[in-house]
Amino acid sequence: MRRMAIVIAAVCLVLIGSAARASAETLTGRISDAMCGRSHDTKTEHGKKMTDKECTQACVQHGSAYVFVTQDKILKIANQDFSGLKTLAGDTVKVTGDIRGDTITVAKIEKAK
């Protein structure tokens, strides 16, 4: 009987652990920065309006973090050094990754078609 209780407890722990694990999702959105979020409309440098890409790269260079912006939410990016973030900053992309709360860990990123 005691052995059965231990087995049931172990199975419950495995099930709870797998339910709490993040699931890989693929989303389409834009790579932006935490300071500007959805809009880069007010960003100018030396009187010249910057593109979304230039603005995002400048903000990150000055300490802001990359974020992933979808239509309904802004997700923090856990792995800020992921290859492709700088290159695709400001672009519409397809991102695959694990989402936990308001944070995504990017596993794959590509320019959206």
N, C-alpha and C. Protein backbone atom coordinates (compact mmCIF):
# COMPACT_ATOMS: atom_id res chain seq x y z
N MET A 1 0.82 -1.19 0.00
CA MET A 1 0.00 0.00 0.00
C MET A 1 0.87 1.26 0.00
N ARG A 2 1.93 1.24 0.82
CA ARG A 2 2.82 2.39 0.89
C ARG A 2 3.53 2.60 -0.45
N ARG A 3 3.91 1.50 -1.07
CA ARG A 3 4.57 1.58 -2.38
C ARG A 3 3.65 2.21 -3.42
N MET A 4 2.36 1.85 -3.38
CA MET A 4 1.37 2.40 -4.30
C MET A 4 1.22 3.91 -4.09
N ALA A 5 1.23 4.36 -2.87
CA ALA A 5 1.12 5.79 -2.56
C ALA A 5 2.31 6.56 -3.11
N ILE A 6 3.50 5.98 -3.00
CA ILE A 6 4.71 6.62 -3.54
C ILE A 6 4.63 6.70 -5.06
N VAL A 7 4.17 5.65 -5.71
CA VAL A 7 4.04 5.64 -7.17
C VAL A 7 3.03 6.71 -7.61
N ILE A 8 1.90 6.78 -6.93
CA ILE A 8 0.87 7.78 -7.27
C ILE A 8 1.42 9.19 -7.07
N ALA A 9 2.14 9.42 -5.99
CA ALA A 9 2.73 10.73 -5.73
C ALA A 9 3.73 11.11 -6.82
N ALA A 10 4.55 10.15 -7.24
CA ALA A 10 5.53 10.41 -8.29
C ALA A 10 4.85 10.75 -9.61
N VAL A 11 3.80 10.02 -9.95
CA VAL A 11 3.06 10.30 -11.19
C VAL A 11 2.44 11.69 -11.13
N CYS A 12 1.88 12.06 -9.99
CA CYS A 12 1.29 13.39 -9.84
C CYS A 12 2.34 14.48 -10.02
N LEU A 13 3.52 14.29 -9.45
CA LEU A 13 4.59 15.28 -9.61
C LEU A 13 5.01 15.43 -11.06
N VAL A 14 5.11 14.34 -11.79
CA VAL A 14 5.46 14.39 -13.21
C VAL A 14 4.40 15.14 -13.99
N LEU A 15 3.13 14.85 -13.72
CA LEU A 15 2.05 15.52 -14.43
C LEU A 15 2.00 17.01 -14.13
N ILE A 16 2.19 17.37 -12.87
CA ILE A 16 2.21 18.79 -12.49
C ILE A 16 3.40 19.49 -13.13
N GLY A 17 4.55 18.86 -13.14
CA GLY A 17 5.74 19.44 -13.74
C GLY A 17 5.59 19.66 -15.23
N SER A 18 4.97 18.72 -15.92
CA SER A 18 4.80 18.89 -17.37
C SER A 18 3.74 19.94 -17.68
N ALA A 19 2.75 20.09 -16.84
CA ALA A 19 1.73 21.13 -17.05
C ALA A 19 2.31 22.52 -16.82
N ALA A 20 3.25 22.63 -15.89
CA ALA A 20 3.85 23.93 -15.58
C ALA A 20 4.90 24.34 -16.60
N ARG A 21 5.41 23.39 -17.36
CA ARG A 21 6.42 23.68 -18.36
C ARG A 21 5.85 24.55 -19.47
N ALA A 22 6.65 25.41 -20.01
CA ALA A 22 6.21 26.26 -21.11
C ALA A 22 6.06 25.43 -22.37
N SER A 23 5.18 25.89 -23.24
CA SER A 23 4.99 25.18 -24.49
C SER A 23 5.50 26.03 -25.64
N ALA A 24 6.11 25.40 -26.62
CA ALA A 24 6.63 26.13 -27.77
C ALA A 24 5.48 26.63 -28.63
N GLU A 25 5.53 27.90 -28.97
CA GLU A 25 4.51 28.51 -29.81
C GLU A 25 5.21 29.29 -30.92
N THR A 26 4.52 29.45 -32.03
CA THR A 26 5.02 30.28 -33.11
C THR A 26 4.06 31.45 -33.27
N LEU A 27 4.61 32.66 -33.19
CA LEU A 27 3.82 33.89 -33.28
C LEU A 27 4.42 34.81 -34.33
N THR A 28 3.58 35.66 -34.88
CA THR A 28 4.05 36.69 -35.81
C THR A 28 3.90 38.04 -35.13
N GLY A 29 4.93 38.86 -35.24
CA GLY A 29 4.91 40.18 -34.63
C GLY A 29 6.16 40.95 -35.03
N ARG A 30 6.51 41.94 -34.22
CA ARG A 30 7.68 42.78 -34.52
C ARG A 30 8.69 42.73 -33.38
N ILE A 31 9.97 42.84 -33.74
CA ILE A 31 11.01 42.98 -32.74
C ILE A 31 11.15 44.47 -32.47
N SER A 32 10.96 44.86 -31.23
CA SER A 32 11.05 46.26 -30.83
C SER A 32 11.93 46.33 -29.59
N ASP A 33 11.85 47.45 -28.88
CA ASP A 33 12.59 47.60 -27.63
C ASP A 33 11.63 47.99 -26.52
N ALA A 34 12.03 47.72 -25.29
CA ALA A 34 11.16 47.93 -24.13
C ALA A 34 10.79 49.40 -23.94
N MET A 35 11.66 50.31 -24.32
CA MET A 35 11.36 51.73 -24.13
C MET A 35 10.27 52.21 -25.09
N CYS A 36 10.33 51.81 -26.33
CA CYS A 36 9.37 52.28 -27.34
C CYS A 36 8.14 51.38 -27.44
N GLY A 37 8.32 50.09 -27.21
CA GLY A 37 7.20 49.16 -27.29
C GLY A 37 6.59 49.10 -28.67
N ARG A 38 5.31 49.46 -28.77
CA ARG A 38 4.58 49.38 -30.04
C ARG A 38 4.92 50.50 -31.02
N SER A 39 5.31 51.67 -30.51
CA SER A 39 5.42 52.83 -31.39
C SER A 39 6.79 53.49 -31.32
N HIS A 40 7.34 53.76 -32.48
CA HIS A 40 8.61 54.48 -32.60
C HIS A 40 8.37 55.87 -33.18
N ASP A 41 7.15 56.36 -33.11
CA ASP A 41 6.76 57.61 -33.76
C ASP A 41 7.53 58.84 -33.28
N THR A 42 7.92 58.88 -32.03
CA THR A 42 8.55 60.10 -31.50
C THR A 42 10.06 60.09 -31.59
N LYS A 43 10.66 59.06 -32.12
CA LYS A 43 12.11 58.97 -32.12
C LYS A 43 12.75 59.73 -33.29
N THR A 44 13.57 60.70 -32.93
CA THR A 44 14.35 61.44 -33.92
C THR A 44 15.77 61.57 -33.39
N GLU A 45 16.70 61.66 -34.29
CA GLU A 45 18.10 61.86 -33.91
C GLU A 45 18.65 62.97 -34.78
N HIS A 46 19.14 64.02 -34.16
CA HIS A 46 19.68 65.17 -34.87
C HIS A 46 18.66 65.74 -35.85
N GLY A 47 17.39 65.76 -35.44
CA GLY A 47 16.34 66.34 -36.27
C GLY A 47 15.84 65.44 -37.38
N LYS A 48 16.39 64.24 -37.52
CA LYS A 48 15.99 63.32 -38.59
C LYS A 48 15.21 62.16 -38.00
N LYS A 49 14.04 61.87 -38.57
CA LYS A 49 13.24 60.74 -38.10
C LYS A 49 13.97 59.44 -38.41
N MET A 50 13.94 58.55 -37.45
CA MET A 50 14.61 57.25 -37.62
C MET A 50 13.58 56.20 -38.01
N THR A 51 14.04 55.16 -38.69
CA THR A 51 13.17 54.02 -39.00
C THR A 51 12.96 53.22 -37.72
N ASP A 52 11.99 52.30 -37.76
CA ASP A 52 11.77 51.42 -36.60
C ASP A 52 13.03 50.63 -36.28
N LYS A 53 13.72 50.15 -37.32
CA LYS A 53 14.95 49.38 -37.13
C LYS A 53 16.03 50.23 -36.46
N GLU A 54 16.25 51.44 -36.98
CA GLU A 54 17.27 52.33 -36.41
C GLU A 54 16.94 52.70 -34.96
N CYS A 55 15.67 52.97 -34.71
CA CYS A 55 15.23 53.34 -33.37
C CYS A 55 15.44 52.18 -32.39
N THR A 56 15.01 50.99 -32.78
CA THR A 56 15.16 49.83 -31.90
C THR A 56 16.63 49.57 -31.60
N GLN A 57 17.47 49.60 -32.63
CA GLN A 57 18.89 49.34 -32.44
C GLN A 57 19.53 50.42 -31.55
N ALA A 58 19.14 51.68 -31.74
CA ALA A 58 19.69 52.76 -30.92
C ALA A 58 19.25 52.62 -29.46
N CYS A 59 17.99 52.31 -29.23
CA CYS A 59 17.50 52.16 -27.86
C CYS A 59 18.18 50.99 -27.15
N VAL A 60 18.36 49.87 -27.85
CA VAL A 60 19.03 48.71 -27.25
C VAL A 60 20.49 49.05 -26.97
N GLN A 61 21.11 49.76 -27.87
CA GLN A 61 22.50 50.16 -27.67
C GLN A 61 22.64 51.05 -26.44
N HIS A 62 21.58 51.79 -26.11
CA HIS A 62 21.61 52.68 -24.94
C HIS A 62 20.96 52.06 -23.71
N GLY A 63 20.83 50.72 -23.68
CA GLY A 63 20.42 50.04 -22.47
C GLY A 63 19.03 49.44 -22.44
N SER A 64 18.19 49.72 -23.43
CA SER A 64 16.86 49.12 -23.46
C SER A 64 16.99 47.65 -23.87
N ALA A 65 15.95 46.87 -23.65
CA ALA A 65 15.96 45.44 -23.98
C ALA A 65 15.05 45.18 -25.18
N TYR A 66 15.38 44.14 -25.95
CA TYR A 66 14.51 43.72 -27.04
C TYR A 66 13.21 43.17 -26.46
N VAL A 67 12.10 43.43 -27.16
CA VAL A 67 10.81 42.85 -26.84
C VAL A 67 10.17 42.36 -28.13
N PHE A 68 9.18 41.48 -27.98
CA PHE A 68 8.44 40.95 -29.11
C PHE A 68 7.02 41.48 -29.00
N VAL A 69 6.57 42.21 -30.03
CA VAL A 69 5.26 42.87 -30.00
C VAL A 69 4.30 42.15 -30.94
N THR A 70 3.21 41.64 -30.38
CA THR A 70 2.13 41.07 -31.17
C THR A 70 0.97 42.05 -31.13
N GLN A 71 -0.13 41.72 -31.80
CA GLN A 71 -1.28 42.62 -31.80
C GLN A 71 -1.83 42.85 -30.40
N ASP A 72 -1.82 41.83 -29.56
CA ASP A 72 -2.47 41.96 -28.26
C ASP A 72 -1.54 42.01 -27.05
N LYS A 73 -0.23 41.80 -27.23
CA LYS A 73 0.67 41.87 -26.08
C LYS A 73 2.10 42.17 -26.47
N ILE A 74 2.85 42.57 -25.46
CA ILE A 74 4.29 42.80 -25.60
C ILE A 74 4.99 41.80 -24.69
N LEU A 75 5.83 40.96 -25.28
CA LEU A 75 6.55 39.93 -24.52
C LEU A 75 8.01 40.32 -24.36
N LYS A 76 8.52 40.19 -23.15
CA LYS A 76 9.95 40.37 -22.91
C LYS A 76 10.66 39.19 -23.57
N ILE A 77 11.88 39.40 -24.01
CA ILE A 77 12.67 38.32 -24.60
C ILE A 77 13.74 37.92 -23.59
N ALA A 78 13.67 36.66 -23.15
CA ALA A 78 14.58 36.16 -22.11
C ALA A 78 16.02 36.10 -22.60
N ASN A 79 16.22 35.63 -23.81
CA ASN A 79 17.58 35.45 -24.35
C ASN A 79 17.92 36.61 -25.28
N GLN A 80 18.32 37.73 -24.68
CA GLN A 80 18.62 38.96 -25.40
C GLN A 80 19.75 38.83 -26.41
N ASP A 81 20.60 37.85 -26.24
CA ASP A 81 21.74 37.66 -27.14
C ASP A 81 21.43 36.70 -28.29
N PHE A 82 20.15 36.33 -28.46
CA PHE A 82 19.79 35.37 -29.50
C PHE A 82 20.15 35.93 -30.88
N SER A 83 20.79 35.10 -31.69
CA SER A 83 21.21 35.49 -33.03
C SER A 83 20.00 35.91 -33.86
N GLY A 84 20.08 37.04 -34.50
CA GLY A 84 19.00 37.50 -35.37
C GLY A 84 18.20 38.65 -34.79
N LEU A 85 18.26 38.86 -33.49
CA LEU A 85 17.48 39.95 -32.90
C LEU A 85 17.94 41.31 -33.44
N LYS A 86 19.25 41.53 -33.45
CA LYS A 86 19.77 42.81 -33.93
C LYS A 86 19.48 42.99 -35.41
N THR A 87 19.70 41.96 -36.19
CA THR A 87 19.49 42.03 -37.63
C THR A 87 18.03 42.27 -37.98
N LEU A 88 17.11 41.64 -37.25
CA LEU A 88 15.68 41.73 -37.56
C LEU A 88 14.94 42.76 -36.69
N ALA A 89 15.68 43.55 -35.94
CA ALA A 89 15.06 44.59 -35.12
C ALA A 89 14.21 45.52 -36.00
N GLY A 90 12.98 45.79 -35.55
CA GLY A 90 12.08 46.67 -36.29
C GLY A 90 11.30 45.96 -37.38
N ASP A 91 11.65 44.73 -37.70
CA ASP A 91 10.99 43.98 -38.77
C ASP A 91 9.84 43.14 -38.23
N THR A 92 8.94 42.77 -39.14
CA THR A 92 7.90 41.80 -38.82
C THR A 92 8.50 40.42 -38.98
N VAL A 93 8.37 39.60 -37.94
CA VAL A 93 9.04 38.29 -37.91
C VAL A 93 8.09 37.20 -37.41
N LYS A 94 8.49 35.97 -37.66
CA LYS A 94 7.86 34.79 -37.05
C LYS A 94 8.84 34.28 -36.01
N VAL A 95 8.37 34.18 -34.78
CA VAL A 95 9.21 33.74 -33.68
C VAL A 95 8.62 32.46 -33.10
N THR A 96 9.47 31.48 -32.88
CA THR A 96 9.07 30.26 -32.19
C THR A 96 9.84 30.23 -30.88
N GLY A 97 9.11 29.95 -29.80
CA GLY A 97 9.77 29.89 -28.50
C GLY A 97 8.83 29.47 -27.40
N ASP A 98 9.40 29.34 -26.22
CA ASP A 98 8.64 28.97 -25.03
C ASP A 98 8.18 30.24 -24.33
N ILE A 99 6.89 30.31 -24.01
CA ILE A 99 6.32 31.47 -23.35
C ILE A 99 5.98 31.10 -21.91
N ARG A 100 6.46 31.92 -21.01
CA ARG A 100 6.12 31.79 -19.59
C ARG A 100 5.70 33.17 -19.11
N GLY A 101 4.42 33.31 -18.82
CA GLY A 101 3.90 34.61 -18.38
C GLY A 101 4.05 35.64 -19.48
N ASP A 102 4.82 36.70 -19.21
CA ASP A 102 5.01 37.77 -20.18
C ASP A 102 6.38 37.72 -20.85
N THR A 103 7.01 36.53 -20.83
CA THR A 103 8.37 36.39 -21.36
C THR A 103 8.44 35.22 -22.33
N ILE A 104 9.15 35.45 -23.44
CA ILE A 104 9.39 34.39 -24.42
C ILE A 104 10.89 34.11 -24.49
N THR A 105 11.22 32.83 -24.55
CA THR A 105 12.59 32.41 -24.81
C THR A 105 12.61 31.96 -26.26
N VAL A 106 13.30 32.73 -27.08
CA VAL A 106 13.29 32.50 -28.52
C VAL A 106 14.11 31.28 -28.88
N ALA A 107 13.52 30.39 -29.69
CA ALA A 107 14.23 29.22 -30.20
C ALA A 107 14.52 29.38 -31.69
N LYS A 108 13.66 30.14 -32.39
CA LYS A 108 13.82 30.33 -33.83
C LYS A 108 13.21 31.67 -34.20
N ILE A 109 13.86 32.38 -35.11
CA ILE A 109 13.35 33.66 -35.59
C ILE A 109 13.62 33.78 -37.07
N GLU A 110 12.62 34.24 -37.82
CA GLU A 110 12.78 34.46 -39.25
C GLU A 110 11.90 35.60 -39.69
N LYS A 111 12.30 36.27 -40.74
CA LYS A 111 11.51 37.37 -41.28
C LYS A 111 10.18 36.81 -41.80
N ALA A 112 9.09 37.49 -41.46
CA ALA A 112 7.77 37.04 -41.92
C ALA A 112 7.63 37.32 -43.40
N LYS A 113 6.88 36.46 -44.06
CA LYS A 113 6.67 36.62 -45.51
C LYS A 113 5.51 37.53 -45.78
